[in-house]
PDB file of N, CA and C in Angstrom:
ATOM      1  N   MET A   1       0.867  -1.170   0.000  1.00  0.00           N
ATOM      2  CA  MET A   1       0.000   0.000   0.000  1.00  0.00           C
ATOM      3  C   MET A   1       0.911   1.230   0.000  1.00  0.00           C
ATOM      4  N   SER A   2       0.615   2.160  -0.857  1.00  0.00           N
ATOM      5  CA  SER A   2       1.428   3.375  -0.954  1.00  0.00           C
ATOM      6  C   SER A   2       1.113   4.332   0.201  1.00  0.00           C
ATOM      7  N   THR A   3       1.977   5.332   0.362  1.00  0.00           N
ATOM      8  CA  THR A   3       1.767   6.340   1.404  1.00  0.00           C
ATOM      9  C   THR A   3       0.465   7.086   1.178  1.00  0.00           C
ATOM     10  N   ILE A   4       0.157   7.382  -0.065  1.00  0.00           N
ATOM     11  CA  ILE A   4      -1.096   8.083  -0.389  1.00  0.00           C
ATOM     12  C   ILE A   4      -2.293   7.226  -0.008  1.00  0.00           C
ATOM     13  N   ASP A   5      -2.225   5.921  -0.340  1.00  0.00           N
ATOM     14  CA  ASP A   5      -3.319   5.014   0.020  1.00  0.00           C
ATOM     15  C   ASP A   5      -3.461   4.900   1.537  1.00  0.00           C
ATOM     16  N   MET A   6      -2.319   4.789   2.228  1.00  0.00           N
ATOM     17  CA  MET A   6      -2.347   4.674   3.685  1.00  0.00           C
ATOM     18  C   MET A   6      -2.928   5.933   4.309  1.00  0.00           C
ATOM     19  N   THR A   7      -2.554   7.103   3.815  1.00  0.00           N
ATOM     20  CA  THR A   7      -3.084   8.368   4.320  1.00  0.00           C
ATOM     21  C   THR A   7      -4.594   8.431   4.111  1.00  0.00           C
ATOM     22  N   ALA A   8      -5.058   7.998   2.957  1.00  0.00           N
ATOM     23  CA  ALA A   8      -6.498   7.991   2.670  1.00  0.00           C
ATOM     24  C   ALA A   8      -7.234   7.053   3.620  1.00  0.00           C
ATOM     25  N   LYS A   9      -6.658   5.877   3.873  1.00  0.00           N
ATOM     26  CA  LYS A   9      -7.290   4.914   4.777  1.00  0.00           C
ATOM     27  C   LYS A   9      -7.362   5.468   6.202  1.00  0.00           C
ATOM     28  N   ILE A  10      -6.281   6.100   6.649  1.00  0.00           N
ATOM     29  CA  ILE A  10      -6.271   6.666   8.004  1.00  0.00           C
ATOM     30  C   ILE A  10      -7.285   7.795   8.117  1.00  0.00           C
ATOM     31  N   LYS A  11      -7.377   8.637   7.089  1.00  0.00           N
ATOM     32  CA  LYS A  11      -8.353   9.727   7.089  1.00  0.00           C
ATOM     33  C   LYS A  11      -9.771   9.162   7.142  1.00  0.00           C
ATOM     34  N   GLU A  12     -10.030   8.136   6.336  1.00  0.00           N
ATOM     35  CA  GLU A  12     -11.350   7.502   6.331  1.00  0.00           C
ATOM     36  C   GLU A  12     -11.647   6.890   7.694  1.00  0.00           C
ATOM     37  N   LEU A  13     -10.653   6.239   8.297  1.00  0.00           N
ATOM     38  CA  LEU A  13     -10.823   5.644   9.616  1.00  0.00           C
ATOM     39  C   LEU A  13     -11.188   6.696  10.655  1.00  0.00           C
ATOM     40  N   LYS A  14     -10.472   7.816  10.654  1.00  0.00           N
ATOM     41  CA  LYS A  14     -10.756   8.888  11.609  1.00  0.00           C
ATOM     42  C   LYS A  14     -12.157   9.461  11.418  1.00  0.00           C
ATOM     43  N   GLU A  15     -12.575   9.634  10.153  1.00  0.00           N
ATOM     44  CA  GLU A  15     -13.915  10.151   9.877  1.00  0.00           C
ATOM     45  C   GLU A  15     -14.986   9.173  10.368  1.00  0.00           C
ATOM     46  N   LEU A  16     -14.777   7.880  10.120  1.00  0.00           N
ATOM     47  CA  LEU A  16     -15.745   6.881  10.562  1.00  0.00           C
ATOM     48  C   LEU A  16     -15.818   6.813  12.087  1.00  0.00           C
ATOM     49  N   LYS A  17     -14.663   6.929  12.741  1.00  0.00           N
ATOM     50  CA  LYS A  17     -14.665   6.921  14.213  1.00  0.00           C
ATOM     51  C   LYS A  17     -15.397   8.137  14.758  1.00  0.00           C
ATOM     52  N   ALA A  18     -15.225   9.290  14.110  1.00  0.00           N
ATOM     53  CA  ALA A  18     -15.938  10.495  14.538  1.00  0.00           C
ATOM     54  C   ALA A  18     -17.444  10.301  14.374  1.00  0.00           C
ATOM     55  N   MET A  19     -17.849   9.689  13.266  1.00  0.00           N
ATOM     56  CA  MET A  19     -19.270   9.409  13.045  1.00  0.00           C
ATOM     57  C   MET A  19     -19.791   8.439  14.101  1.00  0.00           C
ATOM     58  N   ALA A  20     -18.985   7.420  14.437  1.00  0.00           N
ATOM     59  CA  ALA A  20     -19.391   6.441  15.446  1.00  0.00           C
ATOM     60  C   ALA A  20     -19.573   7.114  16.802  1.00  0.00           C
ATOM     61  N   GLU A  21     -18.692   8.055  17.144  1.00  0.00           N
ATOM     62  CA  GLU A  21     -18.823   8.791  18.409  1.00  0.00           C
ATOM     63  C   GLU A  21     -20.094   9.628  18.419  1.00  0.00           C
ATOM     64  N   GLU A  22     -20.405  10.254  17.291  1.00  0.00           N
ATOM     65  CA  GLU A  22     -21.640  11.046  17.204  1.00  0.00           C
ATOM     66  C   GLU A  22     -22.860  10.146  17.363  1.00  0.00           C
ATOM     67  N   LEU A  23     -22.847   8.988  16.705  1.00  0.00           N
ATOM     68  CA  LEU A  23     -23.959   8.047  16.829  1.00  0.00           C
ATOM     69  C   LEU A  23     -24.089   7.536  18.258  1.00  0.00           C
ATOM     70  N   ALA A  24     -22.966   7.237  18.894  1.00  0.00           N
ATOM     71  CA  ALA A  24     -22.999   6.767  20.275  1.00  0.00           C
ATOM     72  C   ALA A  24     -23.596   7.828  21.189  1.00  0.00           C
ATOM     73  N   ALA A  25     -23.265   9.088  20.949  1.00  0.00           N
ATOM     74  CA  ALA A  25     -23.827  10.182  21.750  1.00  0.00           C
ATOM     75  C   ALA A  25     -25.336  10.297  21.531  1.00  0.00           C
ATOM     76  N   GLU A  26     -25.776  10.156  20.273  1.00  0.00           N
ATOM     77  CA  GLU A  26     -27.216  10.209  19.975  1.00  0.00           C
ATOM     78  C   GLU A  26     -27.941   9.045  20.634  1.00  0.00           C
ATOM     79  N   ILE A  27     -27.355   7.859  20.569  1.00  0.00           N
ATOM     80  CA  ILE A  27     -27.952   6.673  21.192  1.00  0.00           C
ATOM     81  C   ILE A  27     -28.100   6.891  22.692  1.00  0.00           C
ATOM     82  N   THR A  28     -27.050   7.395  23.324  1.00  0.00           N
ATOM     83  CA  THR A  28     -27.082   7.656  24.763  1.00  0.00           C
ATOM     84  C   THR A  28     -28.150   8.680  25.113  1.00  0.00           C
ATOM     85  N   ALA A  29     -28.283   9.718  24.308  1.00  0.00           N
ATOM     86  CA  ALA A  29     -29.288  10.756  24.569  1.00  0.00           C
ATOM     87  C   ALA A  29     -30.699  10.173  24.483  1.00  0.00           C
ATOM     88  N   ILE A  30     -30.954   9.341  23.501  1.00  0.00           N
ATOM     89  CA  ILE A  30     -32.281   8.731  23.360  1.00  0.00           C
ATOM     90  C   ILE A  30     -32.551   7.779  24.519  1.00  0.00           C
ATOM     91  N   GLU A  31     -31.549   6.950  24.868  1.00  0.00           N
ATOM     92  CA  GLU A  31     -31.713   6.042  26.006  1.00  0.00           C
ATOM     93  C   GLU A  31     -31.985   6.827  27.287  1.00  0.00           C
ATOM     94  N   ASP A  32     -31.271   7.923  27.496  1.00  0.00           N
ATOM     95  CA  ASP A  32     -31.470   8.742  28.693  1.00  0.00           C
ATOM     96  C   ASP A  32     -32.868   9.341  28.732  1.00  0.00           C
ATOM     97  N   ALA A  33     -33.393   9.739  27.578  1.00  0.00           N
ATOM     98  CA  ALA A  33     -34.749  10.296  27.518  1.00  0.00           C
ATOM     99  C   ALA A  33     -35.784   9.227  27.885  1.00  0.00           C
ATOM    100  N   ILE A  34     -35.591   8.021  27.388  1.00  0.00           N
ATOM    101  CA  ILE A  34     -36.519   6.924  27.700  1.00  0.00           C
ATOM    102  C   ILE A  34     -36.435   6.586  29.193  1.00  0.00           C
ATOM    103  N   LYS A  35     -35.218   6.514  29.716  1.00  0.00           N
ATOM    104  CA  LYS A  35     -35.031   6.219  31.146  1.00  0.00           C
ATOM    105  C   LYS A  35     -35.681   7.294  32.008  1.00  0.00           C
ATOM    106  N   ALA A  36     -35.513   8.552  31.632  1.00  0.00           N
ATOM    107  CA  ALA A  36     -36.107   9.659  32.395  1.00  0.00           C
ATOM    108  C   ALA A  36     -37.624   9.551  32.404  1.00  0.00           C
ATOM    109  N   GLU A  37     -38.197   9.200  31.268  1.00  0.00           N
ATOM    110  CA  GLU A  37     -39.651   9.046  31.193  1.00  0.00           C
ATOM    111  C   GLU A  37     -40.121   7.898  32.077  1.00  0.00           C
ATOM    112  N   MET A  38     -39.365   6.814  32.077  1.00  0.00           N
ATOM    113  CA  MET A  38     -39.738   5.674  32.918  1.00  0.00           C
ATOM    114  C   MET A  38     -39.636   6.030  34.396  1.00  0.00           C
ATOM    115  N   LEU A  39     -38.607   6.792  34.765  1.00  0.00           N
ATOM    116  CA  LEU A  39     -38.488   7.244  36.152  1.00  0.00           C
ATOM    117  C   LEU A  39     -39.634   8.181  36.517  1.00  0.00           C
ATOM    118  N   LEU A  40     -39.998   9.053  35.578  1.00  0.00           N
ATOM    119  CA  LEU A  40     -41.108   9.973  35.800  1.00  0.00           C
ATOM    120  C   LEU A  40     -42.414   9.206  36.023  1.00  0.00           C
ATOM    121  N   ARG A  41     -42.604   8.153  35.256  1.00  0.00           N
ATOM    122  CA  ARG A  41     -43.803   7.312  35.399  1.00  0.00           C
ATOM    123  C   ARG A  41     -43.687   6.324  36.561  1.00  0.00           C
ATOM    124  N   ASN A  42     -42.490   6.231  37.157  1.00  0.00           N
ATOM    125  CA  ASN A  42     -42.229   5.322  38.264  1.00  0.00           C
ATOM    126  C   ASN A  42     -42.476   3.865  37.884  1.00  0.00           C
ATOM    127  N   VAL A  43     -41.963   3.471  36.718  1.00  0.00           N
ATOM    128  CA  VAL A  43     -42.087   2.087  36.250  1.00  0.00           C
ATOM    129  C   VAL A  43     -40.698   1.559  35.876  1.00  0.00           C
ATOM    130  N   ASP A  44     -40.534   0.255  36.029  1.00  0.00           N
ATOM    131  CA  ASP A  44     -39.272  -0.340  35.601  1.00  0.00           C
ATOM    132  C   ASP A  44     -39.446  -1.219  34.364  1.00  0.00           C
ATOM    133  N   GLU A  45     -40.684  -1.330  33.905  1.00  0.00           N
ATOM    134  CA  GLU A  45     -40.975  -2.046  32.668  1.00  0.00           C
ATOM    135  C   GLU A  45     -42.112  -1.328  31.956  1.00  0.00           C
ATOM    136  N   LEU A  46     -41.982  -1.237  30.638  1.00  0.00           N
ATOM    137  CA  LEU A  46     -42.950  -0.479  29.857  1.00  0.00           C
ATOM    138  C   LEU A  46     -43.198  -1.189  28.541  1.00  0.00           C
ATOM    139  N   GLN A  47     -44.475  -1.398  28.214  1.00  0.00           N
ATOM    140  CA  GLN A  47     -44.852  -1.992  26.927  1.00  0.00           C
ATOM    141  C   GLN A  47     -45.302  -0.854  26.016  1.00  0.00           C
ATOM    142  N   VAL A  48     -44.579  -0.665  24.911  1.00  0.00           N
ATOM    143  CA  VAL A  48     -44.891   0.392  23.954  1.00  0.00           C
ATOM    144  C   VAL A  48     -45.010  -0.257  22.585  1.00  0.00           C
ATOM    145  N   ASP A  49     -46.244  -0.327  22.086  1.00  0.00           N
ATOM    146  CA  ASP A  49     -46.504  -0.978  20.804  1.00  0.00           C
ATOM    147  C   ASP A  49     -45.965  -2.406  20.875  1.00  0.00           C
ATOM    148  N   VAL A  50     -45.050  -2.774  20.019  1.00  0.00           N
ATOM    149  CA  VAL A  50     -44.509  -4.135  20.019  1.00  0.00           C
ATOM    150  C   VAL A  50     -43.221  -4.236  20.846  1.00  0.00           C
ATOM    151  N   TYR A  51     -42.829  -3.142  21.492  1.00  0.00           N
ATOM    152  CA  TYR A  51     -41.565  -3.104  22.237  1.00  0.00           C
ATOM    153  C   TYR A  51     -41.803  -3.189  23.732  1.00  0.00           C
ATOM    154  N   LYS A  52     -40.950  -3.954  24.395  1.00  0.00           N
ATOM    155  CA  LYS A  52     -40.963  -4.015  25.849  1.00  0.00           C
ATOM    156  C   LYS A  52     -39.638  -3.424  26.314  1.00  0.00           C
ATOM    157  N   VAL A  53     -39.728  -2.382  27.137  1.00  0.00           N
ATOM    158  CA  VAL A  53     -38.546  -1.680  27.625  1.00  0.00           C
ATOM    159  C   VAL A  53     -38.428  -1.933  29.120  1.00  0.00           C
ATOM    160  N   ARG A  54     -37.237  -2.318  29.556  1.00  0.00           N
ATOM    161  CA  ARG A  54     -36.995  -2.546  30.977  1.00  0.00           C
ATOM    162  C   ARG A  54     -35.848  -1.653  31.431  1.00  0.00           C
ATOM    163  N   TYR A  55     -36.012  -1.071  32.590  1.00  0.00           N
ATOM    164  CA  TYR A  55     -34.968  -0.278  33.226  1.00  0.00           C
ATOM    165  C   TYR A  55     -35.006  -0.646  34.703  1.00  0.00           C
ATOM    166  N   LYS A  56     -34.330  -1.757  35.019  1.00  0.00           N
ATOM    167  CA  LYS A  56     -34.390  -2.332  36.357  1.00  0.00           C
ATOM    168  C   LYS A  56     -33.028  -2.289  37.029  1.00  0.00           C
ATOM    169  N   THR A  57     -33.068  -2.265  38.337  1.00  0.00           N
ATOM    170  CA  THR A  57     -31.858  -2.358  39.137  1.00  0.00           C
ATOM    171  C   THR A  57     -31.361  -3.794  39.102  1.00  0.00           C
ATOM    172  N   VAL A  58     -30.067  -3.951  38.858  1.00  0.00           N
ATOM    173  CA  VAL A  58     -29.453  -5.269  38.824  1.00  0.00           C
ATOM    174  C   VAL A  58     -28.327  -5.279  39.851  1.00  0.00           C
ATOM    175  N   ILE A  59     -28.322  -6.305  40.674  1.00  0.00           N
ATOM    176  CA  ILE A  59     -27.287  -6.422  41.692  1.00  0.00           C
ATOM    177  C   ILE A  59     -26.316  -7.513  41.267  1.00  0.00           C
ATOM    178  N   SER A  60     -25.036  -7.182  41.299  1.00  0.00           N
ATOM    179  CA  SER A  60     -24.015  -8.167  40.941  1.00  0.00           C
ATOM    180  C   SER A  60     -22.886  -8.104  41.963  1.00  0.00           C
ATOM    181  N   SER A  61     -22.151  -9.175  42.044  1.00  0.00           N
ATOM    182  CA  SER A  61     -21.005  -9.240  42.945  1.00  0.00           C
ATOM    183  C   SER A  61     -19.736  -9.278  42.109  1.00  0.00           C
ATOM    184  N   ARG A  62     -18.778  -8.479  42.499  1.00  0.00           N
ATOM    185  CA  ARG A  62     -17.504  -8.429  41.786  1.00  0.00           C
ATOM    186  C   ARG A  62     -16.373  -8.609  42.789  1.00  0.00           C
ATOM    187  N   PHE A  63     -15.328  -9.244  42.317  1.00  0.00           N
ATOM    188  CA  PHE A  63     -14.154  -9.457  43.155  1.00  0.00           C
ATOM    189  C   PHE A  63     -13.336  -8.177  43.209  1.00  0.00           C
ATOM    190  N   ASP A  64     -13.025  -7.715  44.406  1.00  0.00           N
ATOM    191  CA  ASP A  64     -12.259  -6.493  44.603  1.00  0.00           C
ATOM    192  C   ASP A  64     -10.770  -6.841  44.630  1.00  0.00           C
ATOM    193  N   SER A  65     -10.167  -6.897  43.452  1.00  0.00           N
ATOM    194  CA  SER A  65      -8.765  -7.312  43.359  1.00  0.00           C
ATOM    195  C   SER A  65      -7.827  -6.298  44.006  1.00  0.00           C
ATOM    196  N   LYS A  66      -8.186  -5.024  43.995  1.00  0.00           N
ATOM    197  CA  LYS A  66      -7.334  -4.006  44.608  1.00  0.00           C
ATOM    198  C   LYS A  66      -7.252  -4.218  46.116  1.00  0.00           C
ATOM    199  N   ALA A  67      -8.379  -4.461  46.761  1.00  0.00           N
ATOM    200  CA  ALA A  67      -8.391  -4.704  48.203  1.00  0.00           C
ATOM    201  C   ALA A  67      -7.694  -6.018  48.529  1.00  0.00           C
ATOM    202  N   PHE A  68      -7.916  -7.035  47.692  1.00  0.00           N
ATOM    203  CA  PHE A  68      -7.270  -8.325  47.906  1.00  0.00           C
ATOM    204  C   PHE A  68      -5.754  -8.187  47.803  1.00  0.00           C
ATOM    205  N   LYS A  69      -5.306  -7.428  46.807  1.00  0.00           N
ATOM    206  CA  LYS A  69      -3.866  -7.206  46.622  1.00  0.00           C
ATOM    207  C   LYS A  69      -3.275  -6.482  47.829  1.00  0.00           C
ATOM    208  N   ALA A  70      -4.009  -5.536  48.392  1.00  0.00           N
ATOM    209  CA  ALA A  70      -3.522  -4.772  49.536  1.00  0.00           C
ATOM    210  C   ALA A  70      -3.392  -5.640  50.782  1.00  0.00           C
ATOM    211  N   THR A  71      -4.282  -6.588  50.950  1.00  0.00           N
ATOM    212  CA  THR A  71      -4.264  -7.408  52.170  1.00  0.00           C
ATOM    213  C   THR A  71      -3.560  -8.747  51.986  1.00  0.00           C
ATOM    214  N   HIS A  72      -3.483  -9.240  50.752  1.00  0.00           N
ATOM    215  CA  HIS A  72      -2.872 -10.549  50.474  1.00  0.00           C
ATOM    216  C   HIS A  72      -1.957 -10.454  49.259  1.00  0.00           C
ATOM    217  N   ALA A  73      -0.955  -9.622  49.344  1.00  0.00           N
ATOM    218  CA  ALA A  73      -0.067  -9.371  48.202  1.00  0.00           C
ATOM    219  C   ALA A  73       0.606 -10.640  47.705  1.00  0.00           C
ATOM    220  N   ASP A  74       0.988 -11.541  48.629  1.00  0.00           N
ATOM    221  CA  ASP A  74       1.666 -12.768  48.230  1.00  0.00           C
ATOM    222  C   ASP A  74       0.750 -13.686  47.425  1.00  0.00           C
ATOM    223  N   LEU A  75      -0.476 -13.842  47.870  1.00  0.00           N
ATOM    224  CA  LEU A  75      -1.440 -14.662  47.117  1.00  0.00           C
ATOM    225  C   LEU A  75      -1.795 -14.013  45.781  1.00  0.00           C
ATOM    226  N   TYR A  76      -1.931 -12.703  45.805  1.00  0.00           N
ATOM    227  CA  TYR A  76      -2.235 -11.979  44.569  1.00  0.00           C
ATOM    228  C   TYR A  76      -1.146 -12.228  43.537  1.00  0.00           C
ATOM    229  N   ALA A  77       0.097 -12.118  43.964  1.00  0.00           N
ATOM    230  CA  ALA A  77       1.225 -12.336  43.048  1.00  0.00           C
ATOM    231  C   ALA A  77       1.266 -13.775  42.560  1.00  0.00           C
ATOM    232  N   GLN A  78       0.908 -14.701  43.420  1.00  0.00           N
ATOM    233  CA  GLN A  78       0.933 -16.120  43.063  1.00  0.00           C
ATOM    234  C   GLN A  78      -0.086 -16.446  41.972  1.00  0.00           C
ATOM    235  N   TYR A  79      -1.219 -15.766  41.981  1.00  0.00           N
ATOM    236  CA  TYR A  79      -2.283 -16.080  41.031  1.00  0.00           C
ATOM    237  C   TYR A  79      -2.454 -15.037  39.928  1.00  0.00           C
ATOM    238  N   THR A  80      -1.481 -14.155  39.802  1.00  0.00           N
ATOM    239  CA  THR A  80      -1.523 -13.157  38.745  1.00  0.00           C
ATOM    240  C   THR A  80      -0.634 -13.614  37.598  1.00  0.00           C
ATOM    241  N   LYS A  81      -1.130 -13.470  36.377  1.00  0.00           N
ATOM    242  CA  LYS A  81      -0.294 -13.817  35.233  1.00  0.00           C
ATOM    243  C   LYS A  81      -0.276 -12.650  34.261  1.00  0.00           C
ATOM    244  N   GLN A  82       0.825 -12.487  33.606  1.00  0.00           N
ATOM    245  CA  GLN A  82       0.952 -11.431  32.614  1.00  0.00           C
ATOM    246  C   GLN A  82       0.439 -11.934  31.275  1.00  0.00           C
ATOM    247  N   THR A  83      -0.183 -11.034  30.552  1.00  0.00           N
ATOM    248  CA  THR A  83      -0.645 -11.364  29.204  1.00  0.00           C
ATOM    249  C   THR A  83      -0.027 -10.380  28.229  1.00  0.00           C
ATOM    250  N   GLU A  84       0.025 -10.767  27.000  1.00  0.00           N
ATOM    251  CA  GLU A  84       0.587  -9.907  25.971  1.00  0.00           C
ATOM    252  C   GLU A  84      -0.477  -9.660  24.909  1.00  0.00           C
ATOM    253  N   SER A  85      -0.587  -8.417  24.502  1.00  0.00           N
ATOM    254  CA  SER A  85      -1.522  -8.072  23.441  1.00  0.00           C
ATOM    255  C   SER A  85      -0.915  -6.948  22.616  1.00  0.00           C
ATOM    256  N   ARG A  86      -1.576  -6.632  21.534  1.00  0.00           N
ATOM    257  CA  ARG A  86      -1.114  -5.544  20.677  1.00  0.00           C
ATOM    258  C   ARG A  86      -2.178  -4.471  20.662  1.00  0.00           C
ATOM    259  N   ARG A  87      -1.756  -3.236  20.766  1.00  0.00           N
ATOM    260  CA  ARG A  87      -2.670  -2.107  20.792  1.00  0.00           C
ATOM    261  C   ARG A  87      -2.498  -1.308  19.503  1.00  0.00           C
ATOM    262  N   PHE A  88      -3.625  -1.004  18.847  1.00  0.00           N
ATOM    263  CA  PHE A  88      -3.614  -0.226  17.612  1.00  0.00           C
ATOM    264  C   PHE A  88      -4.092   1.181  17.932  1.00  0.00           C
ATOM    265  N   THR A  89      -3.284   2.193  17.624  1.00  0.00           N
ATOM    266  CA  THR A  89      -3.679   3.586  17.835  1.00  0.00           C
ATOM    267  C   THR A  89      -3.301   4.410  16.617  1.00  0.00           C
ATOM    268  N   VAL A  90      -4.082   5.435  16.376  1.00  0.00           N
ATOM    269  CA  VAL A  90      -3.788   6.391  15.320  1.00  0.00           C
ATOM    270  C   VAL A  90      -3.842   7.766  15.960  1.00  0.00           C
ATOM    271  N   ALA A  91      -2.750   8.497  15.899  1.00  0.00           N
ATOM    272  CA  ALA A  91      -2.694   9.815  16.531  1.00  0.00           C
ATOM    273  C   ALA A  91      -2.594  10.904  15.466  1.00  0.00           C
TER     274      ALA A  91
END
């Protein structure tokens, strides 16, 4: 691939990422509006035409690795493994 082709691809990539960010912001705004309406109506489930919308509290348990590391550093080190990956960035 030539430098001109690579420059065009990077420019296209940046434009598409900008569009994706705009779409993500629009999606979030619409979701927030629906959530606000559900809170206003004081409901956690709503049937609208053929759509069922749920906005419910979900409780989950997560392992607090930071606290575990602080209190059991030796065990943390024993069960920690390093991984290798590749990161792609365009600046």
